[in-house]
C-alpha atoms as a PDB file:
ATOM      1  CA  MET A   1     -63.266-107.661 -38.277  1.00  0.00           C
ATOM      2  CA  ASP A   2     -66.193-109.966 -37.492  1.00  0.00           C
ATOM      3  CA  LYS A   3     -65.880-113.724 -36.592  1.00  0.00           C
ATOM      4  CA  ASN A   4     -66.355-115.028 -40.411  1.00  0.00           C
ATOM      5  CA  GLU A   5     -63.802-112.525 -41.470  1.00  0.00           C
ATOM      6  CA  LEU A   6     -61.387-113.618 -38.704  1.00  0.00           C
ATOM      7  CA  ILE A   7     -61.873-117.323 -39.570  1.00  0.00           C
ATOM      8  CA  THR A   8     -61.427-116.505 -43.394  1.00  0.00           C
ATOM      9  CA  LEU A   9     -57.944-114.743 -42.732  1.00  0.00           C
ATOM     10  CA  PHE A  10     -57.037-117.564 -40.447  1.00  0.00           C
ATOM     11  CA  HIS A  11     -57.649-120.233 -42.888  1.00  0.00           C
ATOM     12  CA  LYS A  12     -56.002-118.232 -45.709  1.00  0.00           C
ATOM     13  CA  GLU A  13     -52.705-117.322 -43.984  1.00  0.00           C
ATOM     14  CA  LEU A  14     -52.541-120.561 -41.433  1.00  0.00           C
ATOM     15  CA  ARG A  15     -53.965-123.156 -43.206  1.00  0.00           C
ATOM     16  CA  GLN A  16     -53.987-122.660 -46.987  1.00  0.00           C
ATOM     17  CA  GLU A  17     -50.660-120.759 -47.247  1.00  0.00           C
ATOM     18  CA  ALA A  18     -48.585-121.686 -44.243  1.00  0.00           C
ATOM     19  CA  GLN A  19     -44.959-121.884 -44.528  1.00  0.00           C
ATOM     20  CA  VAL A  20     -43.524-124.106 -41.771  1.00  0.00           C
ATOM     21  CA  LYS A  21     -39.674-123.851 -40.815  1.00  0.00           C
ATOM     22  CA  GLY A  22     -38.176-127.422 -41.031  1.00  0.00           C
ATOM     23  CA  TYR A  23     -41.222-128.714 -43.309  1.00  0.00           C
ATOM     24  CA  ILE A  24     -41.622-128.909 -47.153  1.00  0.00           C
ATOM     25  CA  ARG A  25     -44.897-127.627 -48.260  1.00  0.00           C
ATOM     26  CA  GLU A  26     -46.729-129.597 -50.848  1.00  0.00           C
ATOM     27  CA  GLU A  27     -50.044-128.756 -52.227  1.00  0.00           C
ATOM     28  CA  THR A  28     -52.166-130.722 -54.203  1.00  0.00           C
ATOM     29  CA  GLU A  29     -55.833-130.619 -55.848  1.00  0.00           C
ATOM     30  CA  HIS A  30     -57.197-131.876 -52.335  1.00  0.00           C
ATOM     31  CA  VAL A  31     -54.791-131.254 -49.605  1.00  0.00           C
ATOM     32  CA  VAL A  32     -51.938-129.035 -48.201  1.00  0.00           C
ATOM     33  CA  ARG A  33     -49.362-131.294 -46.607  1.00  0.00           C
ATOM     34  CA  HIS A  34     -45.956-130.497 -44.546  1.00  0.00           C
ATOM     35  CA  VAL A  35     -43.421-133.163 -44.676  1.00  0.00           C
ATOM     36  CA  SER A  36     -40.742-133.021 -42.173  1.00  0.00           C
ATOM     37  CA  GLN A  37     -37.288-132.227 -43.180  1.00  0.00           C
ATOM     38  CA  PHE A  38     -35.920-133.794 -39.685  1.00  0.00           C
ATOM     39  CA  GLY A  39     -38.015-137.286 -39.587  1.00  0.00           C
ATOM     40  CA  GLU A  40     -40.561-135.889 -37.176  1.00  0.00           C
ATOM     41  CA  LYS A  41     -44.136-136.245 -37.491  1.00  0.00           C
ATOM     42  CA  GLY A  42     -45.742-134.683 -40.710  1.00  0.00           C
ATOM     43  CA  PHE A  43     -49.173-132.945 -40.870  1.00  0.00           C
ATOM     44  CA  ILE A  44     -51.894-131.901 -43.312  1.00  0.00           C
ATOM     45  CA  VAL A  45     -53.336-128.663 -42.321  1.00  0.00           C
ATOM     46  CA  SER A  46     -56.215-127.903 -44.977  1.00  0.00           C
ATOM     47  CA  SER A  47     -58.217-130.206 -47.273  1.00  0.00           C
ATOM     48  CA  ASN A  48     -60.622-129.983 -50.358  1.00  0.00           C
ATOM     49  CA  VAL A  49     -62.461-133.054 -50.009  1.00  0.00           C
ATOM     50  CA  ASN A  50     -66.296-134.179 -50.261  1.00  0.00           C
ATOM     51  CA  GLU A  51     -68.242-137.246 -49.250  1.00  0.00           C
ATOM     52  CA  SER A  52     -67.466-139.192 -52.570  1.00  0.00           C
ATOM     53  CA  ASP A  53     -63.871-138.784 -52.583  1.00  0.00           C
ATOM     54  CA  VAL A  54     -62.609-138.380 -49.041  1.00  0.00           C
ATOM     55  CA  ARG A  55     -62.143-142.144 -48.504  1.00  0.00           C
ATOM     56  CA  GLU A  56     -59.888-142.242 -51.386  1.00  0.00           C
ATOM     57  CA  ILE A  57     -57.928-139.311 -50.380  1.00  0.00           C
ATOM     58  CA  ILE A  58     -57.442-140.548 -47.039  1.00  0.00           C
ATOM     59  CA  LYS A  59     -56.125-143.474 -48.306  1.00  0.00           C
ATOM     60  CA  ASN A  60     -53.609-141.772 -50.513  1.00  0.00           C
ATOM     61  CA  GLU A  61     -52.224-139.849 -48.021  1.00  0.00           C
ATOM     62  CA  LEU A  62     -51.479-142.716 -45.691  1.00  0.00           C
ATOM     63  CA  ASN A  63     -49.782-144.548 -48.481  1.00  0.00           C
ATOM     64  CA  TYR A  64     -47.860-141.138 -49.337  1.00  0.00           C
ATOM     65  CA  PHE A  65     -46.775-140.645 -45.896  1.00  0.00           C
ATOM     66  CA  SER A  66     -46.113-144.505 -45.565  1.00  0.00           C
ATOM     67  CA  ASN A  67     -43.490-144.347 -48.320  1.00  0.00           C
ATOM     68  CA  LEU A  68     -41.945-141.813 -46.550  1.00  0.00           C
ATOM     69  CA  GLU A  69     -41.994-143.757 -43.312  1.00  0.00           C
ATOM     70  CA  GLN A  70     -43.617-140.738 -41.341  1.00  0.00           C
ATOM     71  CA  ASP A  71     -46.312-140.669 -39.150  1.00  0.00           C
ATOM     72  CA  PHE A  72     -48.485-137.491 -39.585  1.00  0.00           C
ATOM     73  CA  GLU A  73     -51.474-135.291 -38.225  1.00  0.00           C
ATOM     74  CA  TRP A  74     -54.400-134.382 -40.147  1.00  0.00           C
ATOM     75  CA  LYS A  75     -56.094-131.338 -38.542  1.00  0.00           C
ATOM     76  CA  VAL A  76     -59.729-130.947 -38.755  1.00  0.00           C
ATOM     77  CA  TYR A  77     -61.606-127.907 -37.820  1.00  0.00           C
ATOM     78  CA  ASN A  78     -65.648-127.996 -37.240  1.00  0.00           C
ATOM     79  CA  TYR A  79     -66.145-125.823 -40.088  1.00  0.00           C
ATOM     80  CA  ASP A  80     -64.177-128.444 -42.657  1.00  0.00           C
ATOM     81  CA  LYS A  81     -66.269-130.359 -45.344  1.00  0.00           C
ATOM     82  CA  PRO A  82     -67.787-132.671 -45.266  1.00  0.00           C
ATOM     83  CA  ALA A  83     -69.076-132.467 -41.819  1.00  0.00           C
ATOM     84  CA  SER A  84     -68.395-136.122 -41.179  1.00  0.00           C
ATOM     85  CA  LEU A  85     -64.667-135.615 -42.032  1.00  0.00           C
ATOM     86  CA  LYS A  86     -63.110-136.606 -38.292  1.00  0.00           C
ATOM     87  CA  ASP A  87     -65.891-139.353 -37.968  1.00  0.00           C
ATOM     88  CA  ILE A  88     -64.543-140.719 -41.697  1.00  0.00           C
ATOM     89  CA  LEU A  89     -60.638-140.431 -40.531  1.00  0.00           C
ATOM     90  CA  GLU A  90     -61.535-142.450 -37.361  1.00  0.00           C
ATOM     91  CA  GLN A  91     -63.003-144.858 -39.099  1.00  0.00           C
ATOM     92  CA  GLU A  92     -59.870-145.368 -41.483  1.00  0.00           C
ATOM     93  CA  GLY A  93     -57.811-145.769 -38.345  1.00  0.00           C
ATOM     94  CA  PHE A  94     -56.911-142.326 -37.123  1.00  0.00           C
ATOM     95  CA  THR A  95     -56.837-141.584 -33.295  1.00  0.00           C
ATOM     96  CA  ILE A  96     -58.616-138.422 -32.621  1.00  0.00           C
ATOM     97  CA  ASP A  97     -57.057-136.123 -29.954  1.00  0.00           C
ATOM     98  CA  ASP A  98     -59.156-134.092 -27.654  1.00  0.00           C
ATOM     99  CA  ARG A  99     -61.042-131.120 -28.787  1.00  0.00           C
ATOM    100  CA  GLU A 100     -59.322-127.577 -28.718  1.00  0.00           C
ATOM    101  CA  ALA A 101     -60.724-124.196 -29.193  1.00  0.00           C
ATOM    102  CA  LEU A 102     -59.146-122.198 -31.655  1.00  0.00           C
ATOM    103  CA  MET A 103     -58.901-118.709 -30.102  1.00  0.00           C
ATOM    104  CA  VAL A 104     -58.004-115.579 -31.896  1.00  0.00           C
ATOM    105  CA  MET A 105     -57.646-111.617 -30.793  1.00  0.00           C
ATOM    106  CA  LYS A 106     -56.561-108.500 -32.904  1.00  0.00           C
ATOM    107  CA  LEU A 107     -54.338-106.425 -30.971  1.00  0.00           C
ATOM    108  CA  ASP A 108     -54.191-102.554 -30.848  1.00  0.00           C
ATOM    109  CA  GLU A 109     -52.468-100.072 -29.102  1.00  0.00           C
ATOM    110  CA  GLN A 110     -55.011 -99.665 -26.276  1.00  0.00           C
ATOM    111  CA  HIS A 111     -55.170-103.334 -25.657  1.00  0.00           C
ATOM    112  CA  PRO A 112     -54.583-104.116 -22.048  1.00  0.00           C
ATOM    113  CA  LEU A 113     -52.101-106.773 -22.566  1.00  0.00           C
ATOM    114  CA  LEU A 114     -49.938-104.479 -24.154  1.00  0.00           C
ATOM    115  CA  ASN A 115     -50.282-101.986 -20.982  1.00  0.00           C
ATOM    116  CA  TYR A 116     -49.561-105.139 -18.520  1.00  0.00           C
ATOM    117  CA  ASP A 117     -46.555-104.187 -16.293  1.00  0.00           C
ATOM    118  CA  ARG A 118     -46.559-107.167 -13.745  1.00  0.00           C
ATOM    119  CA  HIS A 119     -43.407-109.220 -14.635  1.00  0.00           C
ATOM    120  CA  PHE A 120     -42.586-111.464 -11.694  1.00  0.00           C
ATOM    121  CA  ASN A 121     -39.214-113.210 -12.214  1.00  0.00           C
ATOM    122  CA  LEU A 122     -39.948-113.365 -16.043  1.00  0.00           C
ATOM    123  CA  LYS A 123     -37.106-114.466 -18.241  1.00  0.00           C
ATOM    124  CA  GLU A 124     -36.457-114.531 -22.207  1.00  0.00           C
ATOM    125  CA  ILE A 125     -35.042-118.030 -22.876  1.00  0.00           C
ATOM    126  CA  THR A 126     -32.488-118.397 -25.594  1.00  0.00           C
ATOM    127  CA  ASP A 127     -30.082-121.095 -24.971  1.00  0.00           C
ATOM    128  CA  GLU A 128     -30.373-124.989 -24.793  1.00  0.00           C
ATOM    129  CA  GLN A 129     -30.531-125.457 -21.085  1.00  0.00           C
ATOM    130  CA  GLY A 130     -33.536-123.195 -20.611  1.00  0.00           C
ATOM    131  CA  ILE A 131     -35.184-125.139 -23.580  1.00  0.00           C
ATOM    132  CA  GLN A 132     -34.392-128.338 -21.376  1.00  0.00           C
ATOM    133  CA  ASP A 133     -35.823-126.754 -18.592  1.00  0.00           C
ATOM    134  CA  ILE A 134     -39.369-126.391 -20.443  1.00  0.00           C
ATOM    135  CA  ILE A 135     -39.251-129.743 -21.556  1.00  0.00           C
ATOM    136  CA  VAL A 136     -38.501-131.094 -18.059  1.00  0.00           C
ATOM    137  CA  LEU A 137     -41.568-128.728 -17.045  1.00  0.00           C
ATOM    138  CA  GLU A 138     -43.624-130.024 -19.831  1.00  0.00           C
ATOM    139  CA  ASP A 139     -42.923-133.659 -18.902  1.00  0.00           C
ATOM    140  CA  ALA A 140     -43.879-133.038 -15.148  1.00  0.00           C
ATOM    141  CA  ILE A 141     -47.358-131.359 -15.990  1.00  0.00           C
ATOM    142  CA  TRP A 142     -48.330-133.766 -18.644  1.00  0.00           C
ATOM    143  CA  ASN A 143     -46.631-137.140 -17.700  1.00  0.00           C
ATOM    144  CA  VAL A 144     -45.526-137.927 -21.273  1.00  0.00           C
ATOM    145  CA  PRO A 145     -42.176-137.428 -23.086  1.00  0.00           C
ATOM    146  CA  HIS A 146     -41.559-134.173 -24.949  1.00  0.00           C
ATOM    147  CA  ALA A 147     -37.862-134.896 -25.993  1.00  0.00           C
ATOM    148  CA  GLU A 148     -38.842-134.397 -29.846  1.00  0.00           C
ATOM    149  CA  LEU A 149     -40.309-130.931 -28.884  1.00  0.00           C
ATOM    150  CA  GLY A 150     -37.209-129.952 -27.281  1.00  0.00           C
ATOM    151  CA  GLU A 151     -34.968-130.839 -30.296  1.00  0.00           C
ATOM    152  CA  ARG A 152     -37.395-128.823 -32.228  1.00  0.00           C
ATOM    153  CA  LEU A 153     -37.397-125.928 -30.417  1.00  0.00           C
ATOM    154  CA  TRP A 154     -33.632-125.643 -30.064  1.00  0.00           C
ATOM    155  CA  ARG A 155     -33.292-126.273 -33.756  1.00  0.00           C
ATOM    156  CA  ASP A 156     -35.761-123.372 -34.548  1.00  0.00           C
ATOM    157  CA  LYS A 157     -34.219-121.201 -32.350  1.00  0.00           C
ATOM    158  CA  GLN A 158     -30.747-121.921 -33.533  1.00  0.00           C
ATOM    159  CA  ASN A 159     -31.841-121.635 -37.095  1.00  0.00           C
ATOM    160  CA  ASN A 160     -34.813-118.812 -36.946  1.00  0.00           C
ATOM    161  CA  PRO A 161     -34.350-116.714 -33.824  1.00  0.00           C
ATOM    162  CA  GLU A 162     -36.343-113.948 -34.734  1.00  0.00           C
ATOM    163  CA  SER A 163     -39.526-116.233 -35.479  1.00  0.00           C
ATOM    164  CA  LEU A 164     -39.433-118.045 -32.034  1.00  0.00           C
ATOM    165  CA  TYR A 165     -39.628-116.420 -28.697  1.00  0.00           C
ATOM    166  CA  LEU A 166     -39.519-118.705 -25.241  1.00  0.00           C
ATOM    167  CA  TYR A 167     -40.290-117.239 -21.756  1.00  0.00           C
ATOM    168  CA  GLY A 168     -40.106-118.819 -18.602  1.00  0.00           C
ATOM    169  CA  ILE A 169     -41.024-117.796 -14.965  1.00  0.00           C
ATOM    170  CA  TYR A 170     -38.758-118.827 -12.107  1.00  0.00           C
ATOM    171  CA  GLU A 171     -38.876-119.362  -8.525  1.00  0.00           C
ATOM    172  CA  ASP A 172     -35.809-120.113  -6.349  1.00  0.00           C
ATOM    173  CA  GLY A 173     -34.022-121.087  -9.585  1.00  0.00           C
ATOM    174  CA  GLN A 174     -36.620-123.657 -10.799  1.00  0.00           C
ATOM    175  CA  LEU A 175     -38.704-123.028 -13.863  1.00  0.00           C
ATOM    176  CA  VAL A 176     -42.231-122.991 -12.854  1.00  0.00           C
ATOM    177  CA  SER A 177     -44.314-121.554 -15.790  1.00  0.00           C
ATOM    178  CA  ALA A 178     -43.405-121.278 -19.549  1.00  0.00           C
ATOM    179  CA  ALA A 179     -44.683-120.387 -22.941  1.00  0.00           C
ATOM    180  CA  TRP A 180     -43.541-119.659 -26.354  1.00  0.00           C
ATOM    181  CA  MET A 181     -44.581-118.045 -29.556  1.00  0.00           C
ATOM    182  CA  TYR A 182     -43.883-118.120 -33.329  1.00  0.00           C
ATOM    183  CA  LEU A 183     -44.009-115.467 -35.608  1.00  0.00           C
ATOM    184  CA  GLU A 184     -45.762-117.182 -38.560  1.00  0.00           C
ATOM    185  CA  GLU A 185     -43.879-116.492 -41.764  1.00  0.00           C
ATOM    186  CA  ASN A 186     -45.680-114.118 -44.486  1.00  0.00           C
ATOM    187  CA  SER A 187     -48.296-113.639 -41.985  1.00  0.00           C
ATOM    188  CA  SER A 188     -50.078-111.337 -39.770  1.00  0.00           C
ATOM    189  CA  PHE A 189     -50.427-113.827 -36.840  1.00  0.00           C
ATOM    190  CA  ALA A 190     -48.484-115.038 -34.314  1.00  0.00           C
ATOM    191  CA  SER A 191     -49.109-118.362 -32.819  1.00  0.00           C
ATOM    192  CA  LEU A 192     -48.854-119.061 -28.936  1.00  0.00           C
ATOM    193  CA  TRP A 193     -47.689-122.352 -27.291  1.00  0.00           C
ATOM    194  CA  GLY A 194     -47.228-123.614 -23.831  1.00  0.00           C
ATOM    195  CA  GLY A 195     -48.661-121.786 -21.144  1.00  0.00           C
ATOM    196  CA  SER A 196     -47.789-124.625 -18.486  1.00  0.00           C
ATOM    197  CA  THR A 197     -47.680-123.915 -15.109  1.00  0.00           C
ATOM    198  CA  LEU A 198     -46.823-126.446 -12.364  1.00  0.00           C
ATOM    199  CA  PRO A 199     -49.843-127.072 -10.023  1.00  0.00           C
ATOM    200  CA  LEU A 200     -48.420-125.707  -6.808  1.00  0.00           C
ATOM    201  CA  PHE A 201     -47.631-122.362  -8.481  1.00  0.00           C
ATOM    202  CA  ARG A 202     -50.814-122.003 -10.409  1.00  0.00           C
ATOM    203  CA  GLY A 203     -53.284-118.814  -9.838  1.00  0.00           C
ATOM    204  CA  LYS A 204     -50.478-116.442  -9.460  1.00  0.00           C
ATOM    205  CA  GLY A 205     -51.296-114.815 -12.735  1.00  0.00           C
ATOM    206  CA  TYR A 206     -48.147-116.249 -14.420  1.00  0.00           C
ATOM    207  CA  TYR A 207     -50.335-117.534 -17.563  1.00  0.00           C
ATOM    208  CA  THR A 208     -51.344-113.927 -17.999  1.00  0.00           C
ATOM    209  CA  ALA A 209     -48.140-112.256 -17.483  1.00  0.00           C
ATOM    210  CA  LEU A 210     -46.548-114.894 -20.298  1.00  0.00           C
ATOM    211  CA  LEU A 211     -49.354-113.964 -22.553  1.00  0.00           C
ATOM    212  CA  ALA A 212     -48.860-110.114 -22.224  1.00  0.00           C
ATOM    213  CA  THR A 213     -45.146-110.830 -22.900  1.00  0.00           C
ATOM    214  CA  ARG A 214     -45.649-112.490 -25.920  1.00  0.00           C
ATOM    215  CA  ALA A 215     -48.616-110.162 -27.051  1.00  0.00           C
ATOM    216  CA  LYS A 216     -46.315-107.225 -26.862  1.00  0.00           C
ATOM    217  CA  LYS A 217     -43.421-108.919 -28.741  1.00  0.00           C
ATOM    218  CA  ALA A 218     -45.848-109.811 -31.374  1.00  0.00           C
ATOM    219  CA  TYR A 219     -47.256-106.368 -31.829  1.00  0.00           C
ATOM    220  CA  GLU A 220     -43.850-104.918 -32.052  1.00  0.00           C
ATOM    221  CA  ASN A 221     -42.978-107.189 -34.677  1.00  0.00           C
ATOM    222  CA  GLY A 222     -45.993-106.374 -36.811  1.00  0.00           C
ATOM    223  CA  HIS A 223     -48.127-109.430 -36.050  1.00  0.00           C
ATOM    224  CA  PRO A 224     -51.377-108.045 -34.544  1.00  0.00           C
ATOM    225  CA  PHE A 225     -53.224-111.280 -34.698  1.00  0.00           C
ATOM    226  CA  LEU A 226     -52.899-113.691 -32.021  1.00  0.00           C
ATOM    227  CA  THR A 227     -54.137-117.472 -32.168  1.00  0.00           C
ATOM    228  CA  VAL A 228     -53.860-120.254 -29.828  1.00  0.00           C
ATOM    229  CA  ASP A 229     -55.305-123.845 -29.913  1.00  0.00           C
ATOM    230  CA  ALA A 230     -56.665-123.461 -26.173  1.00  0.00           C
ATOM    231  CA  SER A 231     -57.689-126.529 -23.983  1.00  0.00           C
ATOM    232  CA  SER A 232     -60.788-126.385 -21.639  1.00  0.00           C
ATOM    233  CA  MET A 233     -58.456-124.845 -18.857  1.00  0.00           C
ATOM    234  CA  SER A 234     -56.685-121.941 -20.733  1.00  0.00           C
ATOM    235  CA  ARG A 235     -60.006-121.090 -22.836  1.00  0.00           C
ATOM    236  CA  PRO A 236     -61.534-118.759 -19.970  1.00  0.00           C
ATOM    237  CA  ILE A 237     -58.224-116.797 -19.291  1.00  0.00           C
ATOM    238  CA  LEU A 238     -57.661-116.103 -22.722  1.00  0.00           C
ATOM    239  CA  GLU A 239     -61.721-114.963 -23.151  1.00  0.00           C
ATOM    240  CA  LYS A 240     -60.779-112.785 -20.276  1.00  0.00           C
ATOM    241  CA  SER A 241     -58.152-111.216 -22.218  1.00  0.00           C
ATOM    242  CA  GLY A 242     -60.386-110.678 -25.307  1.00  0.00           C
ATOM    243  CA  PHE A 243     -59.835-113.674 -27.649  1.00  0.00           C
ATOM    244  CA  LEU A 244     -62.858-114.894 -29.468  1.00  0.00           C
ATOM    245  CA  CYS A 245     -63.382-118.676 -30.153  1.00  0.00           C
ATOM    246  CA  LEU A 246     -63.874-119.198 -33.809  1.00  0.00           C
ATOM    247  CA  ALA A 247     -63.919-122.721 -34.205  1.00  0.00           C
ATOM    248  CA  TYR A 248     -62.822-126.083 -32.754  1.00  0.00           C
ATOM    249  CA  SER A 249     -60.152-128.363 -33.533  1.00  0.00           C
ATOM    250  CA  TYR A 250     -59.269-131.990 -33.539  1.00  0.00           C
ATOM    251  CA  GLY A 251     -55.731-133.257 -34.191  1.00  0.00           C
ATOM    252  CA  CYS A 252     -56.366-136.648 -35.956  1.00  0.00           C
ATOM    253  CA  GLN A 253     -53.080-138.891 -35.602  1.00  0.00           C
ATOM    254  CA  SER A 254     -52.615-141.252 -38.318  1.00  0.00           C
ATOM    255  CA  PRO A 255     -51.913-145.170 -37.925  1.00  0.00           C
ATOM    256  CA  SER A 256     -48.005-145.652 -37.297  1.00  0.00           C
ATOM    257  CA  THR A 257     -46.146-146.069 -40.589  1.00  0.00           C
ATOM    258  CA  LYS A 258     -43.200-147.290 -39.068  1.00  0.00           C
END
């Protein structure tokens, strides 16, 4: 598949038609929104707007989520229309996150990740304590709280254990690197998350080991396409493994509705 075909498939399966556990999907003429069933942040993952109606639709969505007392993220990709969508959201009070690269790769039986055999002390994480270890790791690396993430991961692992897989690498009993993956519902994609390593333990190949473990699990379960929202730090590693950068995305965070 070429780049445009991959973008079309991604847009269809993970934006227009995505179903996310714990969220109610609502599709209108102008947006696909997901409303949290647990009081967490909602999100708009796809939109059909133009220069003439975009501000009115943004205000409508702000009112909609405000009535729910739910903050939300409007995810914008650089191929979205109008080209000024991100800037207009910022003008309407949204906070724009750092740019991330949309990285996608298709696996086949010959792919090196599926034949990777360096495992270190890598473990699958299935219990609440292991997920709390991940949250401690994320808090330490990013210096912001991840309690809500921990609640969601544990809830998803309990309720849908075959759609979420978490892995960690331990040294002397301490979790030093961790990552997880969702096998997306009714989709050929698996989405990869995390991949964080404590600074003192970087450069040992842990990121690639976690990537390979998730790739094997995704492929075994019939999800040949992997996708990552990549930071500038992880993008070069992903490109070495065969990922293509299809686009750039921006998380646009709504003004507080609470």
